[in-house]
Amino acid sequence: MFGFDQDMIFRIPALLIALTVHEYAHARAAVWLGDPTPRFEGRLTLNPIAHLDPLGLIMLWLFKFGWAKPVNVNPANFKDWRKGMIMVSFAGPASNIIMAVIAAIVITLLAKLHILTGWVAAILQLTYTYNVILAIFNLIPIPPLDGSKIVASLLPGRIAYQYESIGRYGPFILIGLIYLGVIGAIMYPLQFILSVMINTIVNVIF
């Protein structure tokens, strides 16, 4: 499991693309909505190093479910803080869906042109896969994932505070649910549905 193999050569760029685009989308959305915090903290960048969370990266590497370092935002800078938090939180998963669509289009185009070589195909397929996984995984409503921030933005103040207070235990809850197979059981059907939707889009284009 921990040994180096050829597959890792292809997984590294795919992982970095998916994680970096996801967090950059959060930062870009926050700045666009009026919060300069991500810019001040150096998160408005496509440099992967700025976005990596060691534990989340290890989990994604080993179990295909993981997370990056959350982008800090100040909701007080938004005109409507609830709407702002929902938009910023959804920007990450949305960017992964867009990246998955782009990867699927490129794969199909190169295949039709008969220039889809082995290593290119591997990186593109993994880029597609990881983006689909991250899009769905991050919408799970367990802190620190994006889904929890969307839910918290919709809850009354006191309930939202209590809900967010489990954030310190969130990574451990996620690790436990991943290990027990609960996350996989939830995600696999959703991954299939999203993949069908993306394939439908690609088929319409081609």
N, C-alpha and C. Protein backbone atom coordinates (compact mmCIF):
# COMPACT_ATOMS: atom_id res chain seq x y z
N MET A 1 0.82 -1.21 0.00
CA MET A 1 0.00 0.00 0.00
C MET A 1 0.86 1.26 0.00
N PHE A 2 1.98 1.23 0.75
CA PHE A 2 2.80 2.42 0.89
C PHE A 2 3.99 2.42 -0.06
N GLY A 3 4.18 1.37 -0.84
CA GLY A 3 5.29 1.30 -1.77
C GLY A 3 5.06 2.19 -2.98
N PHE A 4 6.16 2.57 -3.62
CA PHE A 4 6.05 3.41 -4.81
C PHE A 4 5.82 2.51 -6.01
N ASP A 5 4.90 2.89 -6.86
CA ASP A 5 4.66 2.13 -8.08
C ASP A 5 4.39 3.11 -9.21
N GLN A 6 4.34 2.57 -10.42
CA GLN A 6 4.18 3.42 -11.59
C GLN A 6 2.88 4.22 -11.56
N ASP A 7 1.85 3.62 -11.00
CA ASP A 7 0.55 4.29 -10.95
C ASP A 7 0.63 5.62 -10.22
N MET A 8 1.51 5.70 -9.22
CA MET A 8 1.64 6.93 -8.45
C MET A 8 2.13 8.09 -9.31
N ILE A 9 2.93 7.80 -10.32
CA ILE A 9 3.43 8.84 -11.22
C ILE A 9 2.26 9.55 -11.90
N PHE A 10 1.20 8.81 -12.19
CA PHE A 10 0.03 9.39 -12.85
C PHE A 10 -0.93 10.00 -11.83
N ARG A 11 -0.98 9.42 -10.63
CA ARG A 11 -1.91 9.89 -9.62
C ARG A 11 -1.52 11.25 -9.06
N ILE A 12 -0.22 11.51 -8.94
CA ILE A 12 0.25 12.76 -8.36
C ILE A 12 -0.28 13.99 -9.10
N PRO A 13 -0.06 14.10 -10.42
CA PRO A 13 -0.59 15.28 -11.12
C PRO A 13 -2.11 15.36 -11.09
N ALA A 14 -2.78 14.21 -11.16
CA ALA A 14 -4.25 14.21 -11.13
C ALA A 14 -4.76 14.72 -9.78
N LEU A 15 -4.13 14.27 -8.70
CA LEU A 15 -4.50 14.73 -7.37
C LEU A 15 -4.27 16.22 -7.20
N LEU A 16 -3.10 16.68 -7.64
CA LEU A 16 -2.76 18.09 -7.48
C LEU A 16 -3.71 18.98 -8.27
N ILE A 17 -4.07 18.55 -9.48
CA ILE A 17 -5.00 19.33 -10.30
C ILE A 17 -6.35 19.45 -9.60
N ALA A 18 -6.89 18.32 -9.15
CA ALA A 18 -8.22 18.31 -8.53
C ALA A 18 -8.26 19.14 -7.24
N LEU A 19 -7.27 18.95 -6.37
CA LEU A 19 -7.25 19.67 -5.10
C LEU A 19 -7.01 21.16 -5.28
N THR A 20 -6.06 21.49 -6.16
CA THR A 20 -5.71 22.90 -6.36
C THR A 20 -6.86 23.69 -6.97
N VAL A 21 -7.47 23.15 -8.00
CA VAL A 21 -8.59 23.83 -8.64
C VAL A 21 -9.74 24.02 -7.66
N HIS A 22 -9.99 23.01 -6.85
CA HIS A 22 -11.08 23.06 -5.86
C HIS A 22 -10.89 24.22 -4.89
N GLU A 23 -9.71 24.31 -4.29
CA GLU A 23 -9.48 25.35 -3.30
C GLU A 23 -9.34 26.73 -3.94
N TYR A 24 -8.75 26.78 -5.12
CA TYR A 24 -8.65 28.06 -5.82
C TYR A 24 -10.04 28.60 -6.12
N ALA A 25 -10.96 27.72 -6.47
CA ALA A 25 -12.33 28.15 -6.76
C ALA A 25 -12.98 28.77 -5.54
N HIS A 26 -12.76 28.18 -4.36
CA HIS A 26 -13.26 28.78 -3.12
C HIS A 26 -12.70 30.19 -2.94
N ALA A 27 -11.37 30.30 -3.08
CA ALA A 27 -10.71 31.58 -2.88
C ALA A 27 -11.20 32.63 -3.87
N ARG A 28 -11.29 32.23 -5.13
CA ARG A 28 -11.72 33.17 -6.18
C ARG A 28 -13.15 33.64 -5.94
N ALA A 29 -14.03 32.71 -5.54
CA ALA A 29 -15.43 33.07 -5.27
C ALA A 29 -15.52 34.05 -4.10
N ALA A 30 -14.75 33.79 -3.04
CA ALA A 30 -14.78 34.67 -1.87
C ALA A 30 -14.32 36.08 -2.21
N VAL A 31 -13.21 36.17 -2.94
CA VAL A 31 -12.69 37.48 -3.34
C VAL A 31 -13.68 38.19 -4.25
N TRP A 32 -14.28 37.46 -5.17
CA TRP A 32 -15.25 38.03 -6.10
C TRP A 32 -16.47 38.59 -5.36
N LEU A 33 -16.81 37.95 -4.24
CA LEU A 33 -17.97 38.38 -3.45
C LEU A 33 -17.62 39.45 -2.43
N GLY A 34 -16.36 39.87 -2.40
CA GLY A 34 -15.98 41.00 -1.55
C GLY A 34 -15.12 40.70 -0.35
N ASP A 35 -14.68 39.45 -0.18
CA ASP A 35 -13.84 39.11 0.97
C ASP A 35 -12.38 38.95 0.53
N PRO A 36 -11.48 39.83 0.99
CA PRO A 36 -10.07 39.75 0.57
C PRO A 36 -9.23 38.75 1.37
N THR A 37 -9.83 38.08 2.35
CA THR A 37 -9.08 37.17 3.23
C THR A 37 -8.25 36.14 2.47
N PRO A 38 -8.82 35.41 1.50
CA PRO A 38 -8.00 34.42 0.78
C PRO A 38 -6.80 35.04 0.07
N ARG A 39 -6.96 36.27 -0.44
CA ARG A 39 -5.84 36.93 -1.10
C ARG A 39 -4.74 37.25 -0.09
N PHE A 40 -5.14 37.77 1.08
CA PHE A 40 -4.17 38.12 2.12
C PHE A 40 -3.42 36.89 2.64
N GLU A 41 -4.10 35.73 2.66
CA GLU A 41 -3.49 34.51 3.18
C GLU A 41 -2.79 33.69 2.10
N GLY A 42 -2.70 34.22 0.91
CA GLY A 42 -1.96 33.55 -0.16
C GLY A 42 -2.68 32.37 -0.78
N ARG A 43 -4.01 32.34 -0.69
CA ARG A 43 -4.77 31.21 -1.22
C ARG A 43 -5.32 31.47 -2.63
N LEU A 44 -5.20 32.72 -3.10
CA LEU A 44 -5.69 33.03 -4.44
C LEU A 44 -4.59 32.70 -5.45
N THR A 45 -4.26 31.42 -5.52
CA THR A 45 -3.17 30.95 -6.36
C THR A 45 -3.43 29.53 -6.82
N LEU A 46 -2.83 29.17 -7.95
CA LEU A 46 -2.91 27.80 -8.46
C LEU A 46 -1.67 27.00 -8.07
N ASN A 47 -0.91 27.51 -7.12
CA ASN A 47 0.24 26.78 -6.59
C ASN A 47 -0.27 25.71 -5.62
N PRO A 48 -0.10 24.43 -5.92
CA PRO A 48 -0.66 23.36 -5.08
C PRO A 48 -0.19 23.41 -3.63
N ILE A 49 1.04 23.85 -3.40
CA ILE A 49 1.61 23.85 -2.06
C ILE A 49 0.76 24.70 -1.10
N ALA A 50 0.15 25.75 -1.61
CA ALA A 50 -0.64 26.65 -0.77
C ALA A 50 -1.92 26.00 -0.27
N HIS A 51 -2.34 24.91 -0.89
CA HIS A 51 -3.65 24.34 -0.60
C HIS A 51 -3.62 22.94 0.05
N LEU A 52 -2.46 22.34 0.16
CA LEU A 52 -2.41 20.95 0.60
C LEU A 52 -2.56 20.80 2.11
N ASP A 53 -3.36 19.82 2.51
CA ASP A 53 -3.49 19.42 3.91
C ASP A 53 -2.91 18.01 4.01
N PRO A 54 -1.86 17.81 4.81
CA PRO A 54 -1.18 16.51 4.84
C PRO A 54 -2.11 15.33 5.11
N LEU A 55 -2.96 15.43 6.14
CA LEU A 55 -3.84 14.31 6.48
C LEU A 55 -4.86 14.06 5.38
N GLY A 56 -5.44 15.13 4.86
CA GLY A 56 -6.43 14.98 3.78
C GLY A 56 -5.83 14.37 2.54
N LEU A 57 -4.57 14.74 2.24
CA LEU A 57 -3.89 14.21 1.06
C LEU A 57 -3.61 12.72 1.23
N ILE A 58 -3.18 12.33 2.43
CA ILE A 58 -2.91 10.91 2.71
C ILE A 58 -4.19 10.09 2.58
N MET A 59 -5.30 10.61 3.11
CA MET A 59 -6.57 9.90 3.02
C MET A 59 -7.02 9.76 1.57
N LEU A 60 -6.84 10.82 0.80
CA LEU A 60 -7.23 10.77 -0.61
C LEU A 60 -6.35 9.78 -1.36
N TRP A 61 -5.08 9.74 -1.01
CA TRP A 61 -4.12 8.84 -1.66
C TRP A 61 -4.46 7.38 -1.38
N LEU A 62 -4.75 7.09 -0.11
CA LEU A 62 -4.95 5.70 0.29
C LEU A 62 -6.37 5.20 0.04
N PHE A 63 -7.37 6.06 0.26
CA PHE A 63 -8.76 5.61 0.21
C PHE A 63 -9.59 6.27 -0.88
N LYS A 64 -8.96 7.22 -1.62
CA LYS A 64 -9.63 7.98 -2.69
C LYS A 64 -10.68 8.94 -2.15
N PHE A 65 -10.69 9.17 -0.83
CA PHE A 65 -11.54 10.18 -0.22
C PHE A 65 -10.64 11.06 0.64
N GLY A 66 -10.66 12.36 0.42
CA GLY A 66 -9.78 13.23 1.20
C GLY A 66 -10.16 14.69 1.04
N TRP A 67 -9.32 15.56 1.54
CA TRP A 67 -9.62 16.99 1.52
C TRP A 67 -8.33 17.80 1.48
N ALA A 68 -8.46 19.08 1.12
CA ALA A 68 -7.34 20.00 1.13
C ALA A 68 -7.49 20.96 2.31
N LYS A 69 -6.55 21.87 2.46
CA LYS A 69 -6.61 22.85 3.55
C LYS A 69 -7.75 23.83 3.27
N PRO A 70 -8.69 23.98 4.20
CA PRO A 70 -9.83 24.87 3.96
C PRO A 70 -9.39 26.31 3.73
N VAL A 71 -10.10 27.00 2.86
CA VAL A 71 -9.85 28.42 2.60
C VAL A 71 -10.61 29.24 3.65
N ASN A 72 -9.90 30.06 4.40
CA ASN A 72 -10.55 30.90 5.40
C ASN A 72 -11.26 32.07 4.74
N VAL A 73 -12.48 32.32 5.16
CA VAL A 73 -13.23 33.47 4.65
C VAL A 73 -13.87 34.21 5.82
N ASN A 74 -14.17 35.47 5.61
CA ASN A 74 -14.85 36.29 6.61
C ASN A 74 -16.23 36.65 6.07
N PRO A 75 -17.27 35.95 6.51
CA PRO A 75 -18.62 36.18 5.98
C PRO A 75 -19.10 37.62 6.15
N ALA A 76 -18.51 38.34 7.12
CA ALA A 76 -18.93 39.73 7.35
C ALA A 76 -18.65 40.62 6.15
N ASN A 77 -17.75 40.16 5.28
CA ASN A 77 -17.41 40.95 4.09
C ASN A 77 -18.39 40.74 2.94
N PHE A 78 -19.31 39.79 3.09
CA PHE A 78 -20.30 39.55 2.04
C PHE A 78 -21.52 40.44 2.26
N LYS A 79 -22.15 40.86 1.19
CA LYS A 79 -23.38 41.65 1.31
C LYS A 79 -24.46 40.84 2.00
N ASP A 80 -24.58 39.58 1.62
CA ASP A 80 -25.51 38.64 2.25
C ASP A 80 -24.65 37.45 2.68
N TRP A 81 -24.36 37.36 3.98
CA TRP A 81 -23.38 36.37 4.42
C TRP A 81 -23.84 34.94 4.18
N ARG A 82 -25.14 34.68 4.32
CA ARG A 82 -25.63 33.32 4.08
C ARG A 82 -25.47 32.93 2.62
N LYS A 83 -25.93 33.80 1.74
CA LYS A 83 -25.81 33.52 0.32
C LYS A 83 -24.34 33.44 -0.09
N GLY A 84 -23.52 34.32 0.49
CA GLY A 84 -22.10 34.33 0.18
C GLY A 84 -21.42 33.03 0.57
N MET A 85 -21.71 32.53 1.77
CA MET A 85 -21.10 31.29 2.25
C MET A 85 -21.55 30.10 1.40
N ILE A 86 -22.82 30.10 1.01
CA ILE A 86 -23.31 29.00 0.16
C ILE A 86 -22.60 29.01 -1.18
N MET A 87 -22.45 30.19 -1.77
CA MET A 87 -21.81 30.30 -3.08
C MET A 87 -20.33 29.92 -3.01
N VAL A 88 -19.64 30.40 -1.97
CA VAL A 88 -18.22 30.08 -1.81
C VAL A 88 -18.04 28.58 -1.56
N SER A 89 -18.89 28.01 -0.73
CA SER A 89 -18.78 26.58 -0.41
C SER A 89 -19.05 25.71 -1.62
N PHE A 90 -20.03 26.10 -2.43
CA PHE A 90 -20.38 25.29 -3.60
C PHE A 90 -19.39 25.48 -4.74
N ALA A 91 -18.62 26.57 -4.72
CA ALA A 91 -17.69 26.85 -5.81
C ALA A 91 -16.66 25.73 -5.98
N GLY A 92 -16.20 25.15 -4.88
CA GLY A 92 -15.21 24.07 -4.96
C GLY A 92 -15.73 22.85 -5.69
N PRO A 93 -16.82 22.23 -5.20
CA PRO A 93 -17.39 21.08 -5.91
C PRO A 93 -17.78 21.40 -7.35
N ALA A 94 -18.30 22.61 -7.58
CA ALA A 94 -18.69 22.99 -8.94
C ALA A 94 -17.48 23.01 -9.87
N SER A 95 -16.35 23.50 -9.35
CA SER A 95 -15.13 23.54 -10.16
C SER A 95 -14.66 22.14 -10.50
N ASN A 96 -14.83 21.20 -9.56
CA ASN A 96 -14.44 19.82 -9.83
C ASN A 96 -15.32 19.18 -10.89
N ILE A 97 -16.61 19.50 -10.87
CA ILE A 97 -17.51 18.98 -11.90
C ILE A 97 -17.11 19.52 -13.27
N ILE A 98 -16.79 20.82 -13.32
CA ILE A 98 -16.36 21.43 -14.58
C ILE A 98 -15.07 20.77 -15.07
N MET A 99 -14.13 20.54 -14.16
CA MET A 99 -12.86 19.90 -14.55
C MET A 99 -13.09 18.47 -15.04
N ALA A 100 -14.04 17.76 -14.42
CA ALA A 100 -14.35 16.40 -14.85
C ALA A 100 -14.94 16.41 -16.26
N VAL A 101 -15.81 17.38 -16.53
CA VAL A 101 -16.39 17.51 -17.88
C VAL A 101 -15.30 17.80 -18.90
N ILE A 102 -14.40 18.72 -18.56
CA ILE A 102 -13.30 19.06 -19.47
C ILE A 102 -12.42 17.84 -19.74
N ALA A 103 -12.09 17.10 -18.67
CA ALA A 103 -11.26 15.90 -18.83
C ALA A 103 -11.96 14.88 -19.72
N ALA A 104 -13.27 14.69 -19.54
CA ALA A 104 -14.02 13.74 -20.36
C ALA A 104 -14.06 14.17 -21.82
N ILE A 105 -14.20 15.47 -22.05
CA ILE A 105 -14.22 15.98 -23.43
C ILE A 105 -12.86 15.76 -24.10
N VAL A 106 -11.79 16.06 -23.37
CA VAL A 106 -10.44 15.89 -23.94
C VAL A 106 -10.16 14.42 -24.22
N ILE A 107 -10.56 13.54 -23.31
CA ILE A 107 -10.37 12.10 -23.51
C ILE A 107 -11.09 11.64 -24.78
N THR A 108 -12.34 12.05 -24.91
CA THR A 108 -13.13 11.66 -26.08
C THR A 108 -12.54 12.21 -27.37
N LEU A 109 -12.12 13.48 -27.34
CA LEU A 109 -11.56 14.12 -28.53
C LEU A 109 -10.27 13.44 -28.96
N LEU A 110 -9.37 13.20 -28.01
CA LEU A 110 -8.10 12.55 -28.34
C LEU A 110 -8.31 11.12 -28.83
N ALA A 111 -9.30 10.44 -28.25
CA ALA A 111 -9.61 9.08 -28.69
C ALA A 111 -10.11 9.07 -30.13
N LYS A 112 -10.95 10.04 -30.47
CA LYS A 112 -11.47 10.13 -31.84
C LYS A 112 -10.37 10.48 -32.84
N LEU A 113 -9.37 11.21 -32.37
CA LEU A 113 -8.24 11.58 -33.24
C LEU A 113 -7.14 10.51 -33.24
N HIS A 114 -7.36 9.45 -32.44
CA HIS A 114 -6.41 8.33 -32.34
C HIS A 114 -5.04 8.78 -31.85
N ILE A 115 -5.03 9.74 -30.93
CA ILE A 115 -3.75 10.20 -30.35
C ILE A 115 -3.79 10.13 -28.82
N LEU A 116 -4.65 9.28 -28.29
CA LEU A 116 -4.75 9.12 -26.84
C LEU A 116 -3.73 8.07 -26.39
N THR A 117 -2.52 8.52 -26.07
CA THR A 117 -1.45 7.61 -25.67
C THR A 117 -1.64 7.12 -24.24
N GLY A 118 -0.89 6.10 -23.87
CA GLY A 118 -1.05 5.45 -22.58
C GLY A 118 -0.94 6.37 -21.38
N TRP A 119 0.17 7.12 -21.28
CA TRP A 119 0.37 7.95 -20.08
C TRP A 119 -0.57 9.15 -20.06
N VAL A 120 -0.87 9.69 -21.23
CA VAL A 120 -1.82 10.80 -21.31
C VAL A 120 -3.21 10.32 -20.90
N ALA A 121 -3.58 9.15 -21.40
CA ALA A 121 -4.89 8.57 -21.06
C ALA A 121 -5.00 8.32 -19.56
N ALA A 122 -3.91 7.83 -18.96
CA ALA A 122 -3.92 7.52 -17.53
C ALA A 122 -4.11 8.79 -16.70
N ILE A 123 -3.37 9.84 -17.02
CA ILE A 123 -3.47 11.09 -16.26
C ILE A 123 -4.85 11.72 -16.44
N LEU A 124 -5.36 11.73 -17.67
CA LEU A 124 -6.67 12.32 -17.92
C LEU A 124 -7.78 11.54 -17.23
N GLN A 125 -7.69 10.21 -17.26
CA GLN A 125 -8.72 9.39 -16.62
C GLN A 125 -8.70 9.58 -15.11
N LEU A 126 -7.50 9.65 -14.52
CA LEU A 126 -7.39 9.87 -13.09
C LEU A 126 -7.84 11.29 -12.71
N THR A 127 -7.55 12.25 -13.57
CA THR A 127 -8.02 13.62 -13.34
C THR A 127 -9.54 13.65 -13.32
N TYR A 128 -10.14 12.95 -14.27
CA TYR A 128 -11.60 12.84 -14.31
C TYR A 128 -12.12 12.18 -13.03
N THR A 129 -11.53 11.06 -12.67
CA THR A 129 -12.00 10.29 -11.51
C THR A 129 -11.89 11.08 -10.22
N TYR A 130 -10.73 11.68 -9.97
CA TYR A 130 -10.53 12.42 -8.73
C TYR A 130 -11.43 13.65 -8.64
N ASN A 131 -11.68 14.29 -9.76
CA ASN A 131 -12.57 15.45 -9.72
C ASN A 131 -14.01 15.05 -9.42
N VAL A 132 -14.45 13.93 -9.97
CA VAL A 132 -15.79 13.41 -9.66
C VAL A 132 -15.87 13.07 -8.17
N ILE A 133 -14.84 12.40 -7.67
CA ILE A 133 -14.82 12.00 -6.26
C ILE A 133 -14.85 13.22 -5.35
N LEU A 134 -13.99 14.20 -5.63
CA LEU A 134 -13.92 15.38 -4.77
C LEU A 134 -15.22 16.19 -4.80
N ALA A 135 -15.84 16.28 -5.97
CA ALA A 135 -17.09 17.03 -6.08
C ALA A 135 -18.15 16.46 -5.16
N ILE A 136 -18.30 15.15 -5.16
CA ILE A 136 -19.33 14.51 -4.35
C ILE A 136 -18.93 14.44 -2.89
N PHE A 137 -17.69 14.05 -2.63
CA PHE A 137 -17.21 13.89 -1.26
C PHE A 137 -17.34 15.20 -0.47
N ASN A 138 -16.99 16.30 -1.11
CA ASN A 138 -17.00 17.57 -0.40
C ASN A 138 -18.40 18.10 -0.11
N LEU A 139 -19.41 17.53 -0.73
CA LEU A 139 -20.78 17.94 -0.45
C LEU A 139 -21.39 17.17 0.72
N ILE A 140 -20.64 16.21 1.28
CA ILE A 140 -21.11 15.50 2.47
C ILE A 140 -21.13 16.49 3.64
N PRO A 141 -22.22 16.57 4.39
CA PRO A 141 -22.37 17.60 5.44
C PRO A 141 -21.67 17.27 6.76
N ILE A 142 -20.39 16.96 6.69
CA ILE A 142 -19.59 16.71 7.89
C ILE A 142 -18.42 17.69 7.86
N PRO A 143 -18.25 18.51 8.91
CA PRO A 143 -17.12 19.45 8.93
C PRO A 143 -15.80 18.69 8.79
N PRO A 144 -14.81 19.21 8.08
CA PRO A 144 -14.75 20.56 7.50
C PRO A 144 -15.17 20.62 6.03
N LEU A 145 -15.93 19.65 5.57
CA LEU A 145 -16.29 19.59 4.15
C LEU A 145 -17.27 20.70 3.76
N ASP A 146 -17.31 20.99 2.48
CA ASP A 146 -18.12 22.09 1.98
C ASP A 146 -19.61 21.92 2.28
N GLY A 147 -20.07 20.69 2.24
CA GLY A 147 -21.48 20.42 2.52
C GLY A 147 -21.89 20.90 3.89
N SER A 148 -20.98 20.80 4.87
CA SER A 148 -21.30 21.25 6.23
C SER A 148 -21.45 22.76 6.29
N LYS A 149 -20.67 23.47 5.49
CA LYS A 149 -20.74 24.94 5.49
C LYS A 149 -22.03 25.41 4.82
N ILE A 150 -22.45 24.67 3.81
CA ILE A 150 -23.72 25.00 3.16
C ILE A 150 -24.88 24.80 4.14
N VAL A 151 -24.85 23.66 4.84
CA VAL A 151 -25.91 23.37 5.82
C VAL A 151 -25.89 24.40 6.94
N ALA A 152 -24.70 24.72 7.46
CA ALA A 152 -24.59 25.68 8.56
C ALA A 152 -25.13 27.05 8.17
N SER A 153 -24.96 27.41 6.90
CA SER A 153 -25.44 28.71 6.42
C SER A 153 -26.96 28.77 6.36
N LEU A 154 -27.60 27.61 6.35
CA LEU A 154 -29.06 27.55 6.27
C LEU A 154 -29.72 27.39 7.64
N LEU A 155 -28.92 27.11 8.67
CA LEU A 155 -29.46 26.87 10.01
C LEU A 155 -29.54 28.17 10.82
N PRO A 156 -30.45 28.21 11.81
CA PRO A 156 -30.49 29.35 12.73
C PRO A 156 -29.17 29.46 13.49
N GLY A 157 -28.85 30.66 13.97
CA GLY A 157 -27.55 30.94 14.57
C GLY A 157 -27.06 29.96 15.61
N ARG A 158 -27.86 29.70 16.67
CA ARG A 158 -27.40 28.84 17.75
C ARG A 158 -27.21 27.40 17.28
N ILE A 159 -28.15 26.92 16.48
CA ILE A 159 -28.05 25.55 15.96
C ILE A 159 -26.84 25.44 15.03
N ALA A 160 -26.62 26.47 14.22
CA ALA A 160 -25.47 26.47 13.32
C ALA A 160 -24.17 26.42 14.10
N TYR A 161 -24.10 27.16 15.21
CA TYR A 161 -22.90 27.18 16.05
C TYR A 161 -22.64 25.80 16.64
N GLN A 162 -23.69 25.16 17.15
CA GLN A 162 -23.54 23.83 17.73
C GLN A 162 -23.12 22.82 16.66
N TYR A 163 -23.70 22.97 15.48
CA TYR A 163 -23.37 22.07 14.37
C TYR A 163 -21.91 22.23 13.97
N GLU A 164 -21.44 23.48 13.87
CA GLU A 164 -20.06 23.73 13.46
C GLU A 164 -19.07 23.35 14.55
N SER A 165 -19.53 23.25 15.80
CA SER A 165 -18.62 22.94 16.90
C SER A 165 -18.05 21.53 16.81
N ILE A 166 -18.68 20.67 16.01
CA ILE A 166 -18.14 19.32 15.86
C ILE A 166 -16.99 19.31 14.86
N GLY A 167 -16.66 20.49 14.32
CA GLY A 167 -15.62 20.58 13.31
C GLY A 167 -14.28 20.04 13.77
N ARG A 168 -13.96 20.22 15.06
CA ARG A 168 -12.67 19.73 15.57
C ARG A 168 -12.58 18.21 15.51
N TYR A 169 -13.75 17.55 15.52
CA TYR A 169 -13.76 16.09 15.45
C TYR A 169 -14.03 15.58 14.03
N GLY A 170 -14.35 16.52 13.13
CA GLY A 170 -14.75 16.15 11.78
C GLY A 170 -13.82 15.21 11.05
N PRO A 171 -12.50 15.52 11.00
CA PRO A 171 -11.59 14.62 10.29
C PRO A 171 -11.59 13.21 10.84
N PHE A 172 -11.70 13.08 12.17
CA PHE A 172 -11.70 11.75 12.78
C PHE A 172 -13.01 11.01 12.49
N ILE A 173 -14.11 11.76 12.46
CA ILE A 173 -15.40 11.16 12.09
C ILE A 173 -15.33 10.65 10.65
N LEU A 174 -14.75 11.46 9.78
CA LEU A 174 -14.63 11.07 8.37
C LEU A 174 -13.75 9.84 8.21
N ILE A 175 -12.62 9.82 8.91
CA ILE A 175 -11.72 8.67 8.82
C ILE A 175 -12.44 7.40 9.26
N GLY A 176 -13.20 7.50 10.37
CA GLY A 176 -13.94 6.34 10.86
C GLY A 176 -14.99 5.86 9.87
N LEU A 177 -15.73 6.80 9.29
CA LEU A 177 -16.77 6.44 8.32
C LEU A 177 -16.18 5.88 7.03
N ILE A 178 -15.02 6.42 6.64
CA ILE A 178 -14.34 5.89 5.45
C ILE A 178 -13.88 4.47 5.72
N TYR A 179 -13.27 4.26 6.89
CA TYR A 179 -12.75 2.93 7.24
C TYR A 179 -13.88 1.90 7.32
N LEU A 180 -15.03 2.31 7.82
CA LEU A 180 -16.17 1.40 7.97
C LEU A 180 -16.92 1.18 6.65
N GLY A 181 -16.57 1.94 5.64
CA GLY A 181 -17.20 1.78 4.33
C GLY A 181 -18.48 2.55 4.16
N VAL A 182 -18.84 3.37 5.16
CA VAL A 182 -20.09 4.13 5.08
C VAL A 182 -20.02 5.19 3.99
N ILE A 183 -18.91 5.91 3.94
CA ILE A 183 -18.75 6.96 2.93
C ILE A 183 -18.80 6.37 1.53
N GLY A 184 -18.13 5.25 1.35
CA GLY A 184 -18.13 4.60 0.04
C GLY A 184 -19.52 4.19 -0.39
N ALA A 185 -20.29 3.64 0.55
CA ALA A 185 -21.65 3.20 0.24
C ALA A 185 -22.54 4.36 -0.18
N ILE A 186 -22.28 5.54 0.40
CA ILE A 186 -23.05 6.73 0.04
C ILE A 186 -22.59 7.28 -1.31
N MET A 187 -21.28 7.28 -1.50
CA MET A 187 -20.72 7.98 -2.66
C MET A 187 -20.81 7.23 -3.98
N TYR A 188 -20.62 5.92 -3.96
CA TYR A 188 -20.54 5.18 -5.23
C TYR A 188 -21.78 5.36 -6.11
N PRO A 189 -22.99 5.28 -5.55
CA PRO A 189 -24.17 5.53 -6.41
C PRO A 189 -24.19 6.95 -6.97
N LEU A 190 -23.77 7.93 -6.15
CA LEU A 190 -23.76 9.32 -6.59
C LEU A 190 -22.69 9.55 -7.66
N GLN A 191 -21.55 8.87 -7.51
CA GLN A 191 -20.51 8.95 -8.53
C GLN A 191 -21.02 8.42 -9.86
N PHE A 192 -21.76 7.32 -9.79
CA PHE A 192 -22.31 6.72 -11.01
C PHE A 192 -23.28 7.70 -11.69
N ILE A 193 -24.15 8.31 -10.89
CA ILE A 193 -25.13 9.25 -11.44
C ILE A 193 -24.43 10.44 -12.08
N LEU A 194 -23.43 11.00 -11.38
CA LEU A 194 -22.71 12.15 -11.92
C LEU A 194 -21.96 11.77 -13.19
N SER A 195 -21.38 10.59 -13.22
CA SER A 195 -20.66 10.14 -14.41
C SER A 195 -21.60 9.98 -15.60
N VAL A 196 -22.80 9.48 -15.35
CA VAL A 196 -23.80 9.35 -16.42
C VAL A 196 -24.16 10.73 -16.96
N MET A 197 -24.33 11.70 -16.07
CA MET A 197 -24.67 13.06 -16.49
C MET A 197 -23.54 13.67 -17.33
N ILE A 198 -22.31 13.46 -16.90
CA ILE A 198 -21.16 14.00 -17.64
C ILE A 198 -21.05 13.33 -19.00
N ASN A 199 -21.22 12.01 -19.04
CA ASN A 199 -21.16 11.29 -20.31
C ASN A 199 -22.26 11.75 -21.27
N THR A 200 -23.41 12.09 -20.71
CA THR A 200 -24.51 12.61 -21.54
C THR A 200 -24.11 13.93 -22.19
N ILE A 201 -23.47 14.80 -21.41
CA ILE A 201 -23.00 16.08 -21.94
C ILE A 201 -21.98 15.87 -23.05
N VAL A 202 -21.04 14.96 -22.82
CA VAL A 202 -20.00 14.67 -23.82
C VAL A 202 -20.62 14.10 -25.09
N ASN A 203 -21.59 13.21 -24.93
CA ASN A 203 -22.25 12.61 -26.10
C ASN A 203 -23.01 13.65 -26.92
N VAL A 204 -23.57 14.64 -26.24
CA VAL A 204 -24.27 15.72 -26.95
C VAL A 204 -23.27 16.53 -27.78
N ILE A 205 -22.10 16.77 -27.22
CA ILE A 205 -21.07 17.55 -27.91
C ILE A 205 -20.52 16.81 -29.12
N PHE A 206 -20.32 15.51 -28.94
CA PHE A 206 -19.71 14.71 -30.01
C PHE A 206 -20.74 13.86 -30.76
